[in-house]
């Protein structure tokens, strides 16, 4: 979702978001437990239905879990934004998901946060704020930049920074109640579990606030070690090539995360 604000306002926003974790009474619940479905070796899918305290369904969490022994990650950028279908057709990726926040400056799409594509960096390093998907030739990892800042000497093939951290390393709450703004929106999340698998989590119905989603993911059975919020709202979208499934974004995307079979 486009964030056409100045760098100064971004910096102020980052400072406002920083804080310590907190807790609230949490009323959402899930439906009957659903096991993972194996789509192909190393790729699993799960859907979790979310209900409120009135037993009304309020959201669906669509989750894809990738084993890095079978899949590699990448980040792509195009000067002219594209639909998920166009991105998949051009890249032949197994999975395409929207990336982080971006702005438009002088009719150019600029990532809000460092982005590395084919070894070339663009955008501004968050410098200790938010999280980062860091990809080398063999492996992808999610980082909390407070704990592991970006080093410009790293030989990264691809990377993408976004915010906020929803699950801190070790499975701790990442977005406390004191930071709650009660804003509900469609959400896209990238996570990594304690076995190193990458999870893409999409909540397309717009129910969750960031704090609610942080609490839910931290308390879930997904065994997350870390999770980072990606761009949401109109940008939220994912396409899986086989078996084909799409949750379409409502805007064209200049930056995407890709997954390829090894």
C-alpha atoms as a PDB file:
ATOM      1  CA  UNK A   1       0.000   0.000   0.000  1.00  0.00           C
ATOM      2  CA  UNK A   2       1.468   3.318  -1.046  1.00  0.00           C
ATOM      3  CA  UNK A   3       2.897   5.426   1.759  1.00  0.00           C
ATOM      4  CA  UNK A   4       3.540   8.850   0.125  1.00  0.00           C
ATOM      5  CA  UNK A   5       5.113  10.591   3.101  1.00  0.00           C
ATOM      6  CA  UNK A   6       8.420  12.302   3.540  1.00  0.00           C
ATOM      7  CA  UNK A   7      11.526  10.672   4.979  1.00  0.00           C
ATOM      8  CA  UNK A   8      11.223  12.999   7.976  1.00  0.00           C
ATOM      9  CA  UNK A   9       7.720  11.781   8.724  1.00  0.00           C
ATOM     10  CA  UNK A  10       8.849   8.187   8.319  1.00  0.00           C
ATOM     11  CA  UNK A  11      11.615   8.742  10.857  1.00  0.00           C
ATOM     12  CA  UNK A  12       9.141  10.284  13.296  1.00  0.00           C
ATOM     13  CA  UNK A  13       6.764   7.394  12.771  1.00  0.00           C
ATOM     14  CA  UNK A  14       9.534   4.902  13.497  1.00  0.00           C
ATOM     15  CA  UNK A  15      10.334   6.631  16.785  1.00  0.00           C
ATOM     16  CA  UNK A  16       6.682   6.670  17.816  1.00  0.00           C
ATOM     17  CA  UNK A  17       6.338   2.956  17.119  1.00  0.00           C
ATOM     18  CA  UNK A  18       9.294   1.971  19.298  1.00  0.00           C
ATOM     19  CA  UNK A  19       8.438   0.728  22.756  1.00  0.00           C
ATOM     20  CA  UNK A  20       8.343  -2.227  25.075  1.00  0.00           C
ATOM     21  CA  UNK A  21       6.014  -5.202  24.957  1.00  0.00           C
ATOM     22  CA  UNK A  22       2.705  -5.338  26.805  1.00  0.00           C
ATOM     23  CA  UNK A  23      -0.268  -7.650  27.146  1.00  0.00           C
ATOM     24  CA  UNK A  24      -4.051  -7.441  26.886  1.00  0.00           C
ATOM     25  CA  UNK A  25      -6.954  -9.778  27.468  1.00  0.00           C
ATOM     26  CA  UNK A  26      -7.451 -11.458  24.120  1.00  0.00           C
ATOM     27  CA  UNK A  27     -10.849 -12.746  22.990  1.00  0.00           C
ATOM     28  CA  UNK A  28     -10.274 -14.130  19.510  1.00  0.00           C
ATOM     29  CA  UNK A  29     -10.376 -17.880  19.089  1.00  0.00           C
ATOM     30  CA  UNK A  30      -9.864 -20.338  16.289  1.00  0.00           C
ATOM     31  CA  UNK A  31     -12.164 -22.941  14.877  1.00  0.00           C
ATOM     32  CA  UNK A  32     -11.443 -26.681  14.953  1.00  0.00           C
ATOM     33  CA  UNK A  33      -7.753 -27.373  14.567  1.00  0.00           C
ATOM     34  CA  UNK A  34      -6.752 -27.919  10.943  1.00  0.00           C
ATOM     35  CA  UNK A  35      -3.613 -29.791  10.045  1.00  0.00           C
ATOM     36  CA  UNK A  36      -1.209 -28.795   7.305  1.00  0.00           C
ATOM     37  CA  UNK A  37      -1.910 -29.876   3.725  1.00  0.00           C
ATOM     38  CA  UNK A  38       1.114 -30.903   1.673  1.00  0.00           C
ATOM     39  CA  UNK A  39       0.956 -29.162  -1.719  1.00  0.00           C
ATOM     40  CA  UNK A  40       4.305 -30.435  -2.978  1.00  0.00           C
ATOM     41  CA  UNK A  41       7.537 -31.528  -1.300  1.00  0.00           C
ATOM     42  CA  UNK A  42       8.567 -28.785   1.113  1.00  0.00           C
ATOM     43  CA  UNK A  43       5.429 -26.641   0.638  1.00  0.00           C
ATOM     44  CA  UNK A  44       2.493 -26.853   3.056  1.00  0.00           C
ATOM     45  CA  UNK A  45      -0.729 -24.876   3.341  1.00  0.00           C
ATOM     46  CA  UNK A  46      -3.106 -24.214   6.199  1.00  0.00           C
ATOM     47  CA  UNK A  47      -6.161 -22.015   6.753  1.00  0.00           C
ATOM     48  CA  UNK A  48      -7.152 -20.918  10.261  1.00  0.00           C
ATOM     49  CA  UNK A  49     -10.626 -19.468  10.793  1.00  0.00           C
ATOM     50  CA  UNK A  50     -10.729 -16.754  13.461  1.00  0.00           C
ATOM     51  CA  UNK A  51     -13.831 -16.143  15.608  1.00  0.00           C
ATOM     52  CA  UNK A  52     -14.679 -13.411  18.111  1.00  0.00           C
ATOM     53  CA  UNK A  53     -16.244 -13.841  21.553  1.00  0.00           C
ATOM     54  CA  UNK A  54     -19.697 -13.850  19.916  1.00  0.00           C
ATOM     55  CA  UNK A  55     -18.645 -16.880  17.861  1.00  0.00           C
ATOM     56  CA  UNK A  56     -18.732 -14.811  14.683  1.00  0.00           C
ATOM     57  CA  UNK A  57     -16.079 -15.490  12.064  1.00  0.00           C
ATOM     58  CA  UNK A  58     -14.013 -12.325  11.708  1.00  0.00           C
ATOM     59  CA  UNK A  59     -10.950 -13.363   9.702  1.00  0.00           C
ATOM     60  CA  UNK A  60      -9.233 -16.184   7.863  1.00  0.00           C
ATOM     61  CA  UNK A  61      -5.491 -16.699   8.128  1.00  0.00           C
ATOM     62  CA  UNK A  62      -4.010 -18.264   4.996  1.00  0.00           C
ATOM     63  CA  UNK A  63      -0.576 -19.726   5.695  1.00  0.00           C
ATOM     64  CA  UNK A  64       2.049 -21.277   3.461  1.00  0.00           C
ATOM     65  CA  UNK A  65       5.106 -22.923   5.041  1.00  0.00           C
ATOM     66  CA  UNK A  66       8.252 -23.523   2.970  1.00  0.00           C
ATOM     67  CA  UNK A  67      11.126 -25.836   3.814  1.00  0.00           C
ATOM     68  CA  UNK A  68      14.356 -24.221   2.634  1.00  0.00           C
ATOM     69  CA  UNK A  69      15.805 -27.578   1.668  1.00  0.00           C
ATOM     70  CA  UNK A  70      13.322 -27.495  -1.212  1.00  0.00           C
ATOM     71  CA  UNK A  71      12.898 -23.762  -1.858  1.00  0.00           C
ATOM     72  CA  UNK A  72      15.018 -20.649  -2.177  1.00  0.00           C
ATOM     73  CA  UNK A  73      13.877 -17.048  -1.666  1.00  0.00           C
ATOM     74  CA  UNK A  74      14.439 -13.926  -3.765  1.00  0.00           C
ATOM     75  CA  UNK A  75      13.311 -10.291  -3.977  1.00  0.00           C
ATOM     76  CA  UNK A  76      12.329  -8.544  -7.223  1.00  0.00           C
ATOM     77  CA  UNK A  77      11.747  -4.939  -8.257  1.00  0.00           C
ATOM     78  CA  UNK A  78      10.317  -3.327 -11.392  1.00  0.00           C
ATOM     79  CA  UNK A  79      10.143   0.361 -12.334  1.00  0.00           C
ATOM     80  CA  UNK A  80       6.589  -0.261 -13.546  1.00  0.00           C
ATOM     81  CA  UNK A  81       4.505  -1.999 -10.842  1.00  0.00           C
ATOM     82  CA  UNK A  82       2.874  -5.280 -11.807  1.00  0.00           C
ATOM     83  CA  UNK A  83       0.060  -7.546 -10.753  1.00  0.00           C
ATOM     84  CA  UNK A  84       0.838 -10.786  -8.974  1.00  0.00           C
ATOM     85  CA  UNK A  85      -0.112 -12.668 -12.131  1.00  0.00           C
ATOM     86  CA  UNK A  86       2.335 -10.619 -14.216  1.00  0.00           C
ATOM     87  CA  UNK A  87       5.118 -11.119 -11.674  1.00  0.00           C
ATOM     88  CA  UNK A  88       4.575 -14.868 -11.647  1.00  0.00           C
ATOM     89  CA  UNK A  89       4.386 -15.069 -15.426  1.00  0.00           C
ATOM     90  CA  UNK A  90       7.687 -13.208 -15.816  1.00  0.00           C
ATOM     91  CA  UNK A  91       9.601 -14.971 -13.035  1.00  0.00           C
ATOM     92  CA  UNK A  92       8.031 -18.451 -13.099  1.00  0.00           C
ATOM     93  CA  UNK A  93       8.227 -18.423  -9.294  1.00  0.00           C
ATOM     94  CA  UNK A  94       6.364 -21.042  -7.286  1.00  0.00           C
ATOM     95  CA  UNK A  95       5.099 -18.332  -4.926  1.00  0.00           C
ATOM     96  CA  UNK A  96       4.834 -14.530  -5.198  1.00  0.00           C
ATOM     97  CA  UNK A  97       3.868 -12.310  -2.254  1.00  0.00           C
ATOM     98  CA  UNK A  98       3.805  -8.555  -1.800  1.00  0.00           C
ATOM     99  CA  UNK A  99       6.871  -6.937  -0.229  1.00  0.00           C
ATOM    100  CA  UNK A 100       7.393  -4.013   2.139  1.00  0.00           C
ATOM    101  CA  UNK A 101       6.233  -0.405   2.161  1.00  0.00           C
ATOM    102  CA  UNK A 102       7.121   1.965  -0.638  1.00  0.00           C
ATOM    103  CA  UNK A 103       6.792   5.617  -1.618  1.00  0.00           C
ATOM    104  CA  UNK A 104       6.765   7.502  -4.905  1.00  0.00           C
ATOM    105  CA  UNK A 105       9.358  10.223  -5.418  1.00  0.00           C
ATOM    106  CA  UNK A 106       9.609  12.017  -8.760  1.00  0.00           C
ATOM    107  CA  UNK A 107       7.454   9.285 -10.320  1.00  0.00           C
ATOM    108  CA  UNK A 108       9.877   6.595  -9.106  1.00  0.00           C
ATOM    109  CA  UNK A 109       8.950   3.823  -6.694  1.00  0.00           C
ATOM    110  CA  UNK A 110      11.265   3.886  -3.683  1.00  0.00           C
ATOM    111  CA  UNK A 111      11.318   1.200  -0.984  1.00  0.00           C
ATOM    112  CA  UNK A 112      10.795   2.387   2.576  1.00  0.00           C
ATOM    113  CA  UNK A 113      13.713   0.513   4.057  1.00  0.00           C
ATOM    114  CA  UNK A 114      16.711  -1.145   2.510  1.00  0.00           C
ATOM    115  CA  UNK A 115      16.003  -3.457  -0.414  1.00  0.00           C
ATOM    116  CA  UNK A 116      18.603  -5.566  -2.222  1.00  0.00           C
ATOM    117  CA  UNK A 117      17.864  -7.010  -5.666  1.00  0.00           C
ATOM    118  CA  UNK A 118      20.502  -9.016  -7.562  1.00  0.00           C
ATOM    119  CA  UNK A 119      23.102  -7.835  -5.060  1.00  0.00           C
ATOM    120  CA  UNK A 120      22.334  -4.129  -5.591  1.00  0.00           C
ATOM    121  CA  UNK A 121      21.032  -2.110  -2.638  1.00  0.00           C
ATOM    122  CA  UNK A 122      18.474   0.715  -2.783  1.00  0.00           C
ATOM    123  CA  UNK A 123      16.384   2.532  -0.208  1.00  0.00           C
ATOM    124  CA  UNK A 124      17.467   3.598   3.282  1.00  0.00           C
ATOM    125  CA  UNK A 125      18.544   1.200   6.010  1.00  0.00           C
ATOM    126  CA  UNK A 126      16.131   1.231   8.955  1.00  0.00           C
ATOM    127  CA  UNK A 127      19.242   1.173  11.189  1.00  0.00           C
ATOM    128  CA  UNK A 128      18.016  -0.923  14.058  1.00  0.00           C
ATOM    129  CA  UNK A 129      14.282  -0.549  13.538  1.00  0.00           C
ATOM    130  CA  UNK A 130      11.966  -3.243  12.212  1.00  0.00           C
ATOM    131  CA  UNK A 131      12.981  -6.484  10.569  1.00  0.00           C
ATOM    132  CA  UNK A 132      14.806  -7.779   7.532  1.00  0.00           C
ATOM    133  CA  UNK A 133      14.594 -10.756   5.195  1.00  0.00           C
ATOM    134  CA  UNK A 134      18.248 -11.460   4.345  1.00  0.00           C
ATOM    135  CA  UNK A 135      19.023 -13.869   1.509  1.00  0.00           C
ATOM    136  CA  UNK A 136      22.347 -15.324   0.425  1.00  0.00           C
ATOM    137  CA  UNK A 137      22.925 -18.024  -2.166  1.00  0.00           C
ATOM    138  CA  UNK A 138      22.059 -20.890   0.148  1.00  0.00           C
ATOM    139  CA  UNK A 139      19.728 -19.626   2.836  1.00  0.00           C
ATOM    140  CA  UNK A 140      17.227 -16.973   3.898  1.00  0.00           C
ATOM    141  CA  UNK A 141      16.820 -15.692   7.425  1.00  0.00           C
ATOM    142  CA  UNK A 142      14.577 -13.201   9.172  1.00  0.00           C
ATOM    143  CA  UNK A 143      16.271 -10.732  11.502  1.00  0.00           C
ATOM    144  CA  UNK A 144      15.240  -8.250  14.128  1.00  0.00           C
ATOM    145  CA  UNK A 145      17.400  -5.268  13.228  1.00  0.00           C
ATOM    146  CA  UNK A 146      17.741  -4.245  16.862  1.00  0.00           C
ATOM    147  CA  UNK A 147      19.451  -7.564  17.495  1.00  0.00           C
ATOM    148  CA  UNK A 148      21.262  -8.023  14.179  1.00  0.00           C
ATOM    149  CA  UNK A 149      21.688  -4.805  12.157  1.00  0.00           C
ATOM    150  CA  UNK A 150      22.441  -4.795   8.463  1.00  0.00           C
ATOM    151  CA  UNK A 151      26.134  -4.818   7.580  1.00  0.00           C
ATOM    152  CA  UNK A 152      26.917  -3.272   4.186  1.00  0.00           C
ATOM    153  CA  UNK A 153      29.855  -5.676   3.829  1.00  0.00           C
ATOM    154  CA  UNK A 154      27.571  -8.709   3.876  1.00  0.00           C
ATOM    155  CA  UNK A 155      27.501 -10.599   0.559  1.00  0.00           C
ATOM    156  CA  UNK A 156      23.712 -10.661   0.317  1.00  0.00           C
ATOM    157  CA  UNK A 157      22.057 -11.562  -2.961  1.00  0.00           C
ATOM    158  CA  UNK A 158      18.691 -10.133  -1.916  1.00  0.00           C
ATOM    159  CA  UNK A 159      17.065  -8.498   1.092  1.00  0.00           C
ATOM    160  CA  UNK A 160      14.003  -6.567   2.163  1.00  0.00           C
ATOM    161  CA  UNK A 161      13.325  -4.545   5.313  1.00  0.00           C
ATOM    162  CA  UNK A 162       9.880  -3.894   6.760  1.00  0.00           C
ATOM    163  CA  UNK A 163       8.146  -3.115  10.056  1.00  0.00           C
ATOM    164  CA  UNK A 164       7.048  -3.666  12.718  1.00  0.00           C
ATOM    165  CA  UNK A 165       8.313  -6.860  14.323  1.00  0.00           C
ATOM    166  CA  UNK A 166       5.253  -8.869  15.356  1.00  0.00           C
ATOM    167  CA  UNK A 167       7.141 -11.752  16.973  1.00  0.00           C
ATOM    168  CA  UNK A 168      10.566 -11.060  18.428  1.00  0.00           C
ATOM    169  CA  UNK A 169      13.299 -13.715  18.210  1.00  0.00           C
ATOM    170  CA  UNK A 170      12.594 -16.568  20.561  1.00  0.00           C
ATOM    171  CA  UNK A 171       8.845 -16.316  20.022  1.00  0.00           C
ATOM    172  CA  UNK A 172       8.278 -13.223  22.181  1.00  0.00           C
ATOM    173  CA  UNK A 173       5.530 -10.628  21.730  1.00  0.00           C
ATOM    174  CA  UNK A 174       6.801  -8.019  19.295  1.00  0.00           C
ATOM    175  CA  UNK A 175       4.097  -5.325  19.238  1.00  0.00           C
ATOM    176  CA  UNK A 176       2.811  -4.487  22.692  1.00  0.00           C
ATOM    177  CA  UNK A 177      -0.511  -3.023  23.816  1.00  0.00           C
ATOM    178  CA  UNK A 178       1.058   0.372  24.524  1.00  0.00           C
ATOM    179  CA  UNK A 179       1.645   0.758  20.770  1.00  0.00           C
ATOM    180  CA  UNK A 180      -1.920  -0.152  19.766  1.00  0.00           C
ATOM    181  CA  UNK A 181      -3.647   2.342  17.466  1.00  0.00           C
ATOM    182  CA  UNK A 182      -6.765   0.207  16.827  1.00  0.00           C
ATOM    183  CA  UNK A 183      -6.281   0.461  13.053  1.00  0.00           C
ATOM    184  CA  UNK A 184      -7.595  -2.612  11.264  1.00  0.00           C
ATOM    185  CA  UNK A 185      -6.346  -3.564   7.809  1.00  0.00           C
ATOM    186  CA  UNK A 186      -5.546  -6.432   5.499  1.00  0.00           C
ATOM    187  CA  UNK A 187      -2.232  -7.923   6.632  1.00  0.00           C
ATOM    188  CA  UNK A 188       0.724  -9.775   5.117  1.00  0.00           C
ATOM    189  CA  UNK A 189       3.349 -11.303   7.391  1.00  0.00           C
ATOM    190  CA  UNK A 190       6.576 -13.200   6.772  1.00  0.00           C
ATOM    191  CA  UNK A 191       7.726 -15.472   9.572  1.00  0.00           C
ATOM    192  CA  UNK A 192      10.387 -18.044  10.324  1.00  0.00           C
ATOM    193  CA  UNK A 193       9.740 -20.923  12.683  1.00  0.00           C
ATOM    194  CA  UNK A 194      12.137 -22.561  15.091  1.00  0.00           C
ATOM    195  CA  UNK A 195      13.047 -25.161  12.461  1.00  0.00           C
ATOM    196  CA  UNK A 196      14.098 -22.442  10.006  1.00  0.00           C
ATOM    197  CA  UNK A 197      11.091 -22.783   7.702  1.00  0.00           C
ATOM    198  CA  UNK A 198       9.689 -19.643   6.074  1.00  0.00           C
ATOM    199  CA  UNK A 199       5.998 -18.857   6.575  1.00  0.00           C
ATOM    200  CA  UNK A 200       3.870 -16.452   4.552  1.00  0.00           C
ATOM    201  CA  UNK A 201       0.735 -15.440   6.458  1.00  0.00           C
ATOM    202  CA  UNK A 202      -2.082 -13.476   4.805  1.00  0.00           C
ATOM    203  CA  UNK A 203      -5.142 -12.041   6.572  1.00  0.00           C
ATOM    204  CA  UNK A 204      -7.200 -10.598   3.702  1.00  0.00           C
ATOM    205  CA  UNK A 205     -10.431  -9.609   5.450  1.00  0.00           C
ATOM    206  CA  UNK A 206      -8.961  -6.661   7.340  1.00  0.00           C
ATOM    207  CA  UNK A 207      -9.884  -7.641  10.878  1.00  0.00           C
ATOM    208  CA  UNK A 208      -6.590  -7.572  12.764  1.00  0.00           C
ATOM    209  CA  UNK A 209      -4.866  -4.602  14.352  1.00  0.00           C
ATOM    210  CA  UNK A 210      -1.088  -4.967  14.537  1.00  0.00           C
ATOM    211  CA  UNK A 211      -1.194  -5.633  18.271  1.00  0.00           C
ATOM    212  CA  UNK A 212      -3.952  -8.228  17.953  1.00  0.00           C
ATOM    213  CA  UNK A 213      -2.044 -10.007  15.202  1.00  0.00           C
ATOM    214  CA  UNK A 214       1.155  -9.874  17.247  1.00  0.00           C
ATOM    215  CA  UNK A 215      -0.610 -11.473  20.210  1.00  0.00           C
ATOM    216  CA  UNK A 216      -2.287 -14.088  18.057  1.00  0.00           C
ATOM    217  CA  UNK A 217       0.893 -15.149  16.269  1.00  0.00           C
ATOM    218  CA  UNK A 218       2.909 -15.243  19.492  1.00  0.00           C
ATOM    219  CA  UNK A 219       0.344 -17.470  21.184  1.00  0.00           C
ATOM    220  CA  UNK A 220      -0.360 -19.663  18.147  1.00  0.00           C
ATOM    221  CA  UNK A 221       0.837 -23.208  17.504  1.00  0.00           C
ATOM    222  CA  UNK A 222       2.908 -22.056  14.501  1.00  0.00           C
ATOM    223  CA  UNK A 223       6.099 -22.273  16.596  1.00  0.00           C
ATOM    224  CA  UNK A 224       7.315 -18.933  15.223  1.00  0.00           C
ATOM    225  CA  UNK A 225      10.779 -17.761  16.170  1.00  0.00           C
ATOM    226  CA  UNK A 226      10.293 -14.359  14.484  1.00  0.00           C
ATOM    227  CA  UNK A 227       7.664 -12.618  12.340  1.00  0.00           C
ATOM    228  CA  UNK A 228       7.749  -9.317  10.460  1.00  0.00           C
ATOM    229  CA  UNK A 229       4.809  -7.298   9.156  1.00  0.00           C
ATOM    230  CA  UNK A 230       4.950  -6.533   5.424  1.00  0.00           C
ATOM    231  CA  UNK A 231       2.925  -3.939   3.533  1.00  0.00           C
ATOM    232  CA  UNK A 232      -0.796  -4.421   4.025  1.00  0.00           C
ATOM    233  CA  UNK A 233      -4.059  -2.845   2.956  1.00  0.00           C
ATOM    234  CA  UNK A 234      -4.320  -2.732  -0.816  1.00  0.00           C
ATOM    235  CA  UNK A 235      -0.897  -4.303  -1.259  1.00  0.00           C
ATOM    236  CA  UNK A 236      -1.745  -7.523   0.581  1.00  0.00           C
ATOM    237  CA  UNK A 237      -1.720 -10.414  -1.874  1.00  0.00           C
ATOM    238  CA  UNK A 238      -0.177 -13.779  -2.672  1.00  0.00           C
ATOM    239  CA  UNK A 239      -0.094 -16.139  -5.642  1.00  0.00           C
ATOM    240  CA  UNK A 240       0.853 -19.806  -5.487  1.00  0.00           C
ATOM    241  CA  UNK A 241       1.495 -21.390  -8.872  1.00  0.00           C
ATOM    242  CA  UNK A 242       0.818 -25.090  -8.247  1.00  0.00           C
ATOM    243  CA  UNK A 243      -1.823 -25.845  -7.207  1.00  0.00           C
ATOM    244  CA  UNK A 244      -2.809 -22.377  -8.333  1.00  0.00           C
ATOM    245  CA  UNK A 245      -4.282 -20.098  -5.693  1.00  0.00           C
ATOM    246  CA  UNK A 246      -4.407 -16.336  -5.499  1.00  0.00           C
ATOM    247  CA  UNK A 247      -5.410 -13.704  -2.988  1.00  0.00           C
ATOM    248  CA  UNK A 248      -5.117 -10.691  -5.301  1.00  0.00           C
ATOM    249  CA  UNK A 249      -3.619  -7.406  -4.217  1.00  0.00           C
ATOM    250  CA  UNK A 250      -5.756  -4.343  -4.882  1.00  0.00           C
ATOM    251  CA  UNK A 251      -2.821  -2.309  -6.223  1.00  0.00           C
ATOM    252  CA  UNK A 252       0.063  -3.054  -8.578  1.00  0.00           C
ATOM    253  CA  UNK A 253       3.303  -3.998  -6.819  1.00  0.00           C
ATOM    254  CA  UNK A 254       6.809  -2.667  -7.507  1.00  0.00           C
ATOM    255  CA  UNK A 255       8.468  -4.995  -4.967  1.00  0.00           C
ATOM    256  CA  UNK A 256       7.701  -8.667  -4.329  1.00  0.00           C
ATOM    257  CA  UNK A 257       9.163 -11.655  -2.515  1.00  0.00           C
ATOM    258  CA  UNK A 258       9.561 -14.794  -4.595  1.00  0.00           C
ATOM    259  CA  UNK A 259      10.043 -18.468  -3.817  1.00  0.00           C
ATOM    260  CA  UNK A 260      11.582 -20.941  -6.286  1.00  0.00           C
ATOM    261  CA  UNK A 261      11.955 -24.687  -6.168  1.00  0.00           C
ATOM    262  CA  UNK A 262      15.584 -25.725  -5.797  1.00  0.00           C
END
